[in-house]
Amino acid sequence: MIFGFFGKKREQQREERERLRQELTVEKEALSIELELLEKKLNFELESKENDRTTTLSRYPRRIVELRIQIDRIERKLKSLDES
């Protein structure tokens, strides 16, 4: 009886880790896509002569850095899940 309980508990923990891993992977992919689009938009606006460069330079780099930090945080969480 005791062994059955621990087996169930381990299975629940494994399923929870797998669910968390999937959620983090999806979130990481979404952030990566947003980052890629922002970088393309920034490059396009910097090449354009019509836009105000100061607005472009003040708006996008901050968000790009935030996205990179979030992606890095998610990668560290995924790595810690793989190790446990």
PDB file of N, CA and C in Angstrom:
ATOM      1  N   MET A   1       0.816  -1.190   0.000  1.00  0.00           N
ATOM      2  CA  MET A   1       0.000   0.000   0.000  1.00  0.00           C
ATOM      3  C   MET A   1       0.862   1.256   0.000  1.00  0.00           C
ATOM      4  N   ILE A   2       1.900   1.262   0.801  1.00  0.00           N
ATOM      5  CA  ILE A   2       2.777   2.430   0.886  1.00  0.00           C
ATOM      6  C   ILE A   2       3.471   2.662  -0.450  1.00  0.00           C
ATOM      7  N   PHE A   3       3.939   1.600  -1.081  1.00  0.00           N
ATOM      8  CA  PHE A   3       4.650   1.763  -2.350  1.00  0.00           C
ATOM      9  C   PHE A   3       3.737   2.313  -3.438  1.00  0.00           C
ATOM     10  N   GLY A   4       2.470   1.915  -3.420  1.00  0.00           N
ATOM     11  CA  GLY A   4       1.513   2.426  -4.393  1.00  0.00           C
ATOM     12  C   GLY A   4       1.306   3.921  -4.240  1.00  0.00           C
ATOM     13  N   PHE A   5       1.284   4.398  -3.002  1.00  0.00           N
ATOM     14  CA  PHE A   5       1.102   5.825  -2.754  1.00  0.00           C
ATOM     15  C   PHE A   5       2.279   6.622  -3.297  1.00  0.00           C
ATOM     16  N   PHE A   6       3.499   6.161  -3.015  1.00  0.00           N
ATOM     17  CA  PHE A   6       4.677   6.885  -3.488  1.00  0.00           C
ATOM     18  C   PHE A   6       4.795   6.836  -5.003  1.00  0.00           C
ATOM     19  N   GLY A   7       4.365   5.734  -5.595  1.00  0.00           N
ATOM     20  CA  GLY A   7       4.371   5.635  -7.052  1.00  0.00           C
ATOM     21  C   GLY A   7       3.420   6.645  -7.679  1.00  0.00           C
ATOM     22  N   LYS A   8       2.238   6.796  -7.074  1.00  0.00           N
ATOM     23  CA  LYS A   8       1.273   7.781  -7.563  1.00  0.00           C
ATOM     24  C   LYS A   8       1.818   9.195  -7.412  1.00  0.00           C
ATOM     25  N   LYS A   9       2.434   9.435  -6.268  1.00  0.00           N
ATOM     26  CA  LYS A   9       2.963  10.777  -5.996  1.00  0.00           C
ATOM     27  C   LYS A   9       4.063  11.127  -6.998  1.00  0.00           C
ATOM     28  N   ARG A  10       4.951  10.188  -7.255  1.00  0.00           N
ATOM     29  CA  ARG A  10       6.016  10.429  -8.238  1.00  0.00           C
ATOM     30  C   ARG A  10       5.440  10.670  -9.625  1.00  0.00           C
ATOM     31  N   GLU A  11       4.420   9.901  -9.973  1.00  0.00           N
ATOM     32  CA  GLU A  11       3.772  10.065 -11.278  1.00  0.00           C
ATOM     33  C   GLU A  11       3.115  11.443 -11.377  1.00  0.00           C
ATOM     34  N   GLN A  12       2.463  11.894 -10.313  1.00  0.00           N
ATOM     35  CA  GLN A  12       1.856  13.226 -10.310  1.00  0.00           C
ATOM     36  C   GLN A  12       2.922  14.312 -10.448  1.00  0.00           C
ATOM     37  N   GLN A  13       4.037  14.154  -9.744  1.00  0.00           N
ATOM     38  CA  GLN A  13       5.125  15.130  -9.841  1.00  0.00           C
ATOM     39  C   GLN A  13       5.703  15.159 -11.250  1.00  0.00           C
ATOM     40  N   ARG A  14       5.855  13.976 -11.852  1.00  0.00           N
ATOM     41  CA  ARG A  14       6.386  13.904 -13.206  1.00  0.00           C
ATOM     42  C   ARG A  14       5.437  14.581 -14.187  1.00  0.00           C
ATOM     43  N   GLU A  15       4.137  14.317 -14.040  1.00  0.00           N
ATOM     44  CA  GLU A  15       3.146  14.947 -14.918  1.00  0.00           C
ATOM     45  C   GLU A  15       3.128  16.461 -14.742  1.00  0.00           C
ATOM     46  N   GLU A  16       3.264  16.918 -13.507  1.00  0.00           N
ATOM     47  CA  GLU A  16       3.293  18.361 -13.233  1.00  0.00           C
ATOM     48  C   GLU A  16       4.522  19.011 -13.877  1.00  0.00           C
ATOM     49  N   ARG A  17       5.678  18.361 -13.751  1.00  0.00           N
ATOM     50  CA  ARG A  17       6.900  18.893 -14.385  1.00  0.00           C
ATOM     51  C   ARG A  17       6.755  18.934 -15.898  1.00  0.00           C
ATOM     52  N   GLU A  18       6.150  17.904 -16.473  1.00  0.00           N
ATOM     53  CA  GLU A  18       5.957  17.858 -17.926  1.00  0.00           C
ATOM     54  C   GLU A  18       5.001  18.957 -18.386  1.00  0.00           C
ATOM     55  N   ARG A  19       3.928  19.175 -17.637  1.00  0.00           N
ATOM     56  CA  ARG A  19       2.975  20.239 -17.968  1.00  0.00           C
ATOM     57  C   ARG A  19       3.652  21.611 -17.884  1.00  0.00           C
ATOM     58  N   LEU A  20       4.434  21.819 -16.818  1.00  0.00           N
ATOM     59  CA  LEU A  20       5.153  23.078 -16.652  1.00  0.00           C
ATOM     60  C   LEU A  20       6.166  23.278 -17.773  1.00  0.00           C
ATOM     61  N   ARG A  21       6.863  22.201 -18.148  1.00  0.00           N
ATOM     62  CA  ARG A  21       7.843  22.274 -19.233  1.00  0.00           C
ATOM     63  C   ARG A  21       7.165  22.680 -20.541  1.00  0.00           C
ATOM     64  N   GLN A  22       6.003  22.101 -20.823  1.00  0.00           N
ATOM     65  CA  GLN A  22       5.266  22.448 -22.043  1.00  0.00           C
ATOM     66  C   GLN A  22       4.813  23.903 -22.023  1.00  0.00           C
ATOM     67  N   GLU A  23       4.289  24.360 -20.883  1.00  0.00           N
ATOM     68  CA  GLU A  23       3.850  25.753 -20.771  1.00  0.00           C
ATOM     69  C   GLU A  23       5.012  26.717 -20.975  1.00  0.00           C
ATOM     70  N   LEU A  24       6.149  26.411 -20.354  1.00  0.00           N
ATOM     71  CA  LEU A  24       7.317  27.279 -20.490  1.00  0.00           C
ATOM     72  C   LEU A  24       7.839  27.288 -21.922  1.00  0.00           C
ATOM     73  N   THR A  25       7.805  26.145 -22.575  1.00  0.00           N
ATOM     74  CA  THR A  25       8.267  26.061 -23.959  1.00  0.00           C
ATOM     75  C   THR A  25       7.383  26.898 -24.877  1.00  0.00           C
ATOM     76  N   VAL A  26       6.081  26.819 -24.683  1.00  0.00           N
ATOM     77  CA  VAL A  26       5.151  27.611 -25.501  1.00  0.00           C
ATOM     78  C   VAL A  26       5.372  29.100 -25.249  1.00  0.00           C
ATOM     79  N   GLU A  27       5.531  29.467 -23.978  1.00  0.00           N
ATOM     80  CA  GLU A  27       5.761  30.879 -23.645  1.00  0.00           C
ATOM     81  C   GLU A  27       7.071  31.376 -24.256  1.00  0.00           C
ATOM     82  N   LYS A  28       8.104  30.542 -24.197  1.00  0.00           N
ATOM     83  CA  LYS A  28       9.398  30.918 -24.767  1.00  0.00           C
ATOM     84  C   LYS A  28       9.286  31.121 -26.272  1.00  0.00           C
ATOM     85  N   GLU A  29       8.570  30.236 -26.952  1.00  0.00           N
ATOM     86  CA  GLU A  29       8.392  30.371 -28.401  1.00  0.00           C
ATOM     87  C   GLU A  29       7.646  31.653 -28.744  1.00  0.00           C
ATOM     88  N   ALA A  30       6.613  31.976 -27.963  1.00  0.00           N
ATOM     89  CA  ALA A  30       5.846  33.200 -28.211  1.00  0.00           C
ATOM     90  C   ALA A  30       6.717  34.436 -28.011  1.00  0.00           C
ATOM     91  N   LEU A  31       7.516  34.447 -26.953  1.00  0.00           N
ATOM     92  CA  LEU A  31       8.402  35.582 -26.700  1.00  0.00           C
ATOM     93  C   LEU A  31       9.472  35.692 -27.779  1.00  0.00           C
ATOM     94  N   SER A  32       9.967  34.563 -28.248  1.00  0.00           N
ATOM     95  CA  SER A  32      10.973  34.580 -29.314  1.00  0.00           C
ATOM     96  C   SER A  32      10.405  35.165 -30.601  1.00  0.00           C
ATOM     97  N   ILE A  33       9.167  34.816 -30.909  1.00  0.00           N
ATOM     98  CA  ILE A  33       8.523  35.364 -32.109  1.00  0.00           C
ATOM     99  C   ILE A  33       8.330  36.866 -31.963  1.00  0.00           C
ATOM    100  N   GLU A  34       7.858  37.299 -30.787  1.00  0.00           N
ATOM    101  CA  GLU A  34       7.675  38.737 -30.556  1.00  0.00           C
ATOM    102  C   GLU A  34       9.004  39.474 -30.664  1.00  0.00           C
ATOM    103  N   LEU A  35      10.065  38.882 -30.107  1.00  0.00           N
ATOM    104  CA  LEU A  35      11.389  39.491 -30.180  1.00  0.00           C
ATOM    105  C   LEU A  35      11.848  39.620 -31.626  1.00  0.00           C
ATOM    106  N   GLU A  36      11.678  38.569 -32.386  1.00  0.00           N
ATOM    107  CA  GLU A  36      12.080  38.587 -33.792  1.00  0.00           C
ATOM    108  C   GLU A  36      11.331  39.673 -34.569  1.00  0.00           C
ATOM    109  N   LEU A  37      10.028  39.777 -34.330  1.00  0.00           N
ATOM    110  CA  LEU A  37       9.233  40.794 -35.028  1.00  0.00           C
ATOM    111  C   LEU A  37       9.645  42.209 -34.623  1.00  0.00           C
ATOM    112  N   LEU A  38       9.903  42.411 -33.339  1.00  0.00           N
ATOM    113  CA  LEU A  38      10.337  43.737 -32.891  1.00  0.00           C
ATOM    114  C   LEU A  38      11.680  44.120 -33.498  1.00  0.00           C
ATOM    115  N   GLU A  39      12.600  43.154 -33.557  1.00  0.00           N
ATOM    116  CA  GLU A  39      13.908  43.441 -34.148  1.00  0.00           C
ATOM    117  C   GLU A  39      13.773  43.785 -35.625  1.00  0.00           C
ATOM    118  N   LYS A  40      12.909  43.073 -36.334  1.00  0.00           N
ATOM    119  CA  LYS A  40      12.688  43.389 -37.749  1.00  0.00           C
ATOM    120  C   LYS A  40      12.076  44.771 -37.901  1.00  0.00           C
ATOM    121  N   LYS A  41      11.102  45.084 -37.050  1.00  0.00           N
ATOM    122  CA  LYS A  41      10.441  46.388 -37.113  1.00  0.00           C
ATOM    123  C   LYS A  41      11.428  47.504 -36.794  1.00  0.00           C
ATOM    124  N   LEU A  42      12.279  47.288 -35.798  1.00  0.00           N
ATOM    125  CA  LEU A  42      13.288  48.282 -35.438  1.00  0.00           C
ATOM    126  C   LEU A  42      14.236  48.513 -36.602  1.00  0.00           C
ATOM    127  N   ASN A  43      14.718  47.446 -37.207  1.00  0.00           N
ATOM    128  CA  ASN A  43      15.632  47.581 -38.341  1.00  0.00           C
ATOM    129  C   ASN A  43      14.971  48.306 -39.505  1.00  0.00           C
ATOM    130  N   PHE A  44      13.718  47.986 -39.760  1.00  0.00           N
ATOM    131  CA  PHE A  44      12.995  48.633 -40.854  1.00  0.00           C
ATOM    132  C   PHE A  44      12.838  50.127 -40.582  1.00  0.00           C
ATOM    133  N   GLU A  45      12.449  50.483 -39.361  1.00  0.00           N
ATOM    134  CA  GLU A  45      12.237  51.894 -39.040  1.00  0.00           C
ATOM    135  C   GLU A  45      13.542  52.671 -39.002  1.00  0.00           C
ATOM    136  N   LEU A  46      14.627  52.025 -38.631  1.00  0.00           N
ATOM    137  CA  LEU A  46      15.915  52.722 -38.630  1.00  0.00           C
ATOM    138  C   LEU A  46      16.389  52.989 -40.051  1.00  0.00           C
ATOM    139  N   GLU A  47      16.047  52.102 -40.973  1.00  0.00           N
ATOM    140  CA  GLU A  47      16.433  52.297 -42.370  1.00  0.00           C
ATOM    141  C   GLU A  47      15.553  53.327 -43.066  1.00  0.00           C
ATOM    142  N   SER A  48      14.347  53.520 -42.562  1.00  0.00           N
ATOM    143  CA  SER A  48      13.409  54.454 -43.180  1.00  0.00           C
ATOM    144  C   SER A  48      13.827  55.891 -42.882  1.00  0.00           C
ATOM    145  N   LYS A  49      13.728  56.744 -43.864  1.00  0.00           N
ATOM    146  CA  LYS A  49      14.105  58.152 -43.698  1.00  0.00           C
ATOM    147  C   LYS A  49      12.941  58.991 -43.175  1.00  0.00           C
ATOM    148  N   GLU A  50      11.729  58.468 -43.235  1.00  0.00           N
ATOM    149  CA  GLU A  50      10.540  59.248 -42.902  1.00  0.00           C
ATOM    150  C   GLU A  50      10.249  59.294 -41.405  1.00  0.00           C
ATOM    151  N   ASN A  51      10.658  58.317 -40.649  1.00  0.00           N
ATOM    152  CA  ASN A  51      10.294  58.230 -39.236  1.00  0.00           C
ATOM    153  C   ASN A  51      11.262  59.001 -38.358  1.00  0.00           C
ATOM    154  N   ASP A  52      10.781  59.327 -37.183  1.00  0.00           N
ATOM    155  CA  ASP A  52      11.609  59.987 -36.183  1.00  0.00           C
ATOM    156  C   ASP A  52      12.436  58.922 -35.467  1.00  0.00           C
ATOM    157  N   ARG A  53      13.727  58.980 -35.637  1.00  0.00           N
ATOM    158  CA  ARG A  53      14.601  57.943 -35.078  1.00  0.00           C
ATOM    159  C   ARG A  53      14.626  57.959 -33.560  1.00  0.00           C
ATOM    160  N   THR A  54      14.476  59.125 -32.944  1.00  0.00           N
ATOM    161  CA  THR A  54      14.541  59.165 -31.477  1.00  0.00           C
ATOM    162  C   THR A  54      13.375  58.401 -30.854  1.00  0.00           C
ATOM    163  N   THR A  55      12.202  58.497 -31.443  1.00  0.00           N
ATOM    164  CA  THR A  55      11.053  57.746 -30.934  1.00  0.00           C
ATOM    165  C   THR A  55      11.293  56.247 -31.095  1.00  0.00           C
ATOM    166  N   THR A  56      11.795  55.867 -32.250  1.00  0.00           N
ATOM    167  CA  THR A  56      12.071  54.450 -32.510  1.00  0.00           C
ATOM    168  C   THR A  56      13.116  53.920 -31.543  1.00  0.00           C
ATOM    169  N   LEU A  57      14.178  54.668 -31.339  1.00  0.00           N
ATOM    170  CA  LEU A  57      15.262  54.199 -30.478  1.00  0.00           C
ATOM    171  C   LEU A  57      14.870  54.178 -29.008  1.00  0.00           C
ATOM    172  N   SER A  58      13.932  55.002 -28.613  1.00  0.00           N
ATOM    173  CA  SER A  58      13.539  54.992 -27.205  1.00  0.00           C
ATOM    174  C   SER A  58      12.487  53.920 -26.914  1.00  0.00           C
ATOM    175  N   ARG A  59      11.738  53.528 -27.923  1.00  0.00           N
ATOM    176  CA  ARG A  59      10.610  52.623 -27.699  1.00  0.00           C
ATOM    177  C   ARG A  59      11.001  51.150 -27.761  1.00  0.00           C
ATOM    178  N   TYR A  60      11.656  50.730 -28.800  1.00  0.00           N
ATOM    179  CA  TYR A  60      11.865  49.300 -29.047  1.00  0.00           C
ATOM    180  C   TYR A  60      12.988  48.649 -28.243  1.00  0.00           C
ATOM    181  N   PRO A  61      14.147  49.273 -28.101  1.00  0.00           N
ATOM    182  CA  PRO A  61      15.228  48.559 -27.397  1.00  0.00           C
ATOM    183  C   PRO A  61      14.872  48.123 -25.978  1.00  0.00           C
ATOM    184  N   ARG A  62      14.108  48.924 -25.265  1.00  0.00           N
ATOM    185  CA  ARG A  62      13.724  48.541 -23.901  1.00  0.00           C
ATOM    186  C   ARG A  62      12.914  47.243 -23.920  1.00  0.00           C
ATOM    187  N   ARG A  63      11.960  47.155 -24.806  1.00  0.00           N
ATOM    188  CA  ARG A  63      11.125  45.948 -24.900  1.00  0.00           C
ATOM    189  C   ARG A  63      11.947  44.751 -25.369  1.00  0.00           C
ATOM    190  N   ILE A  64      12.876  44.991 -26.286  1.00  0.00           N
ATOM    191  CA  ILE A  64      13.741  43.911 -26.767  1.00  0.00           C
ATOM    192  C   ILE A  64      14.562  43.340 -25.616  1.00  0.00           C
ATOM    193  N   VAL A  65      15.109  44.214 -24.780  1.00  0.00           N
ATOM    194  CA  VAL A  65      15.892  43.755 -23.629  1.00  0.00           C
ATOM    195  C   VAL A  65      14.998  42.991 -22.653  1.00  0.00           C
ATOM    196  N   GLU A  66      13.791  43.497 -22.407  1.00  0.00           N
ATOM    197  CA  GLU A  66      12.861  42.798 -21.519  1.00  0.00           C
ATOM    198  C   GLU A  66      12.552  41.397 -22.041  1.00  0.00           C
ATOM    199  N   LEU A  67      12.329  41.290 -23.338  1.00  0.00           N
ATOM    200  CA  LEU A  67      12.030  39.981 -23.928  1.00  0.00           C
ATOM    201  C   LEU A  67      13.210  39.032 -23.787  1.00  0.00           C
ATOM    202  N   ARG A  68      14.412  39.525 -24.026  1.00  0.00           N
ATOM    203  CA  ARG A  68      15.601  38.664 -23.895  1.00  0.00           C
ATOM    204  C   ARG A  68      15.776  38.185 -22.463  1.00  0.00           C
ATOM    205  N   ILE A  69      15.501  39.063 -21.500  1.00  0.00           N
ATOM    206  CA  ILE A  69      15.600  38.676 -20.089  1.00  0.00           C
ATOM    207  C   ILE A  69      14.560  37.605 -19.763  1.00  0.00           C
ATOM    208  N   GLN A  70      13.335  37.775 -20.242  1.00  0.00           N
ATOM    209  CA  GLN A  70      12.289  36.784 -19.986  1.00  0.00           C
ATOM    210  C   GLN A  70      12.629  35.444 -20.625  1.00  0.00           C
ATOM    211  N   ILE A  71      13.148  35.472 -21.840  1.00  0.00           N
ATOM    212  CA  ILE A  71      13.532  34.230 -22.520  1.00  0.00           C
ATOM    213  C   ILE A  71      14.643  33.531 -21.747  1.00  0.00           C
ATOM    214  N   ASP A  72      15.618  34.302 -21.270  1.00  0.00           N
ATOM    215  CA  ASP A  72      16.715  33.725 -20.492  1.00  0.00           C
ATOM    216  C   ASP A  72      16.195  33.102 -19.196  1.00  0.00           C
ATOM    217  N   ARG A  73      15.267  33.777 -18.538  1.00  0.00           N
ATOM    218  CA  ARG A  73      14.683  33.267 -17.299  1.00  0.00           C
ATOM    219  C   ARG A  73      13.964  31.941 -17.554  1.00  0.00           C
ATOM    220  N   ILE A  74      13.223  31.877 -18.643  1.00  0.00           N
ATOM    221  CA  ILE A  74      12.497  30.646 -18.989  1.00  0.00           C
ATOM    222  C   ILE A  74      13.475  29.523 -19.306  1.00  0.00           C
ATOM    223  N   GLU A  75      14.554  29.841 -20.025  1.00  0.00           N
ATOM    224  CA  GLU A  75      15.559  28.814 -20.335  1.00  0.00           C
ATOM    225  C   GLU A  75      16.183  28.258 -19.064  1.00  0.00           C
ATOM    226  N   ARG A  76      16.439  29.130 -18.073  1.00  0.00           N
ATOM    227  CA  ARG A  76      16.994  28.659 -16.803  1.00  0.00           C
ATOM    228  C   ARG A  76      15.997  27.765 -16.068  1.00  0.00           C
ATOM    229  N   LYS A  77      14.711  28.119 -16.105  1.00  0.00           N
ATOM    230  CA  LYS A  77      13.693  27.273 -15.468  1.00  0.00           C
ATOM    231  C   LYS A  77      13.615  25.914 -16.150  1.00  0.00           C
ATOM    232  N   LEU A  78      13.653  25.917 -17.491  1.00  0.00           N
ATOM    233  CA  LEU A  78      13.613  24.648 -18.221  1.00  0.00           C
ATOM    234  C   LEU A  78      14.826  23.790 -17.886  1.00  0.00           C
ATOM    235  N   LYS A  79      15.984  24.421 -17.770  1.00  0.00           N
ATOM    236  CA  LYS A  79      17.201  23.685 -17.438  1.00  0.00           C
ATOM    237  C   LYS A  79      17.094  23.079 -16.036  1.00  0.00           C
ATOM    238  N   SER A  80      16.547  23.846 -15.097  1.00  0.00           N
ATOM    239  CA  SER A  80      16.402  23.311 -13.739  1.00  0.00           C
ATOM    240  C   SER A  80      15.376  22.176 -13.695  1.00  0.00           C
ATOM    241  N   LEU A  81      14.345  22.244 -14.548  1.00  0.00           N
ATOM    242  CA  LEU A  81      13.376  21.142 -14.615  1.00  0.00           C
ATOM    243  C   LEU A  81      14.023  19.879 -15.168  1.00  0.00           C
ATOM    244  N   ASP A  82      14.899  20.047 -16.151  1.00  0.00           N
ATOM    245  CA  ASP A  82      15.573  18.890 -16.738  1.00  0.00           C
ATOM    246  C   ASP A  82      16.512  18.228 -15.740  1.00  0.00           C
ATOM    247  N   GLU A  83      17.107  19.045 -14.859  1.00  0.00           N
ATOM    248  CA  GLU A  83      18.055  18.507 -13.888  1.00  0.00           C
ATOM    249  C   GLU A  83      17.363  17.781 -12.741  1.00  0.00           C
ATOM    250  N   SER A  84      16.115  18.163 -12.452  1.00  0.00           N
ATOM    251  CA  SER A  84      15.429  17.531 -11.309  1.00  0.00           C
ATOM    252  C   SER A  84      14.721  16.255 -11.694  1.00  0.00           C
TER     253      SER A  84
END
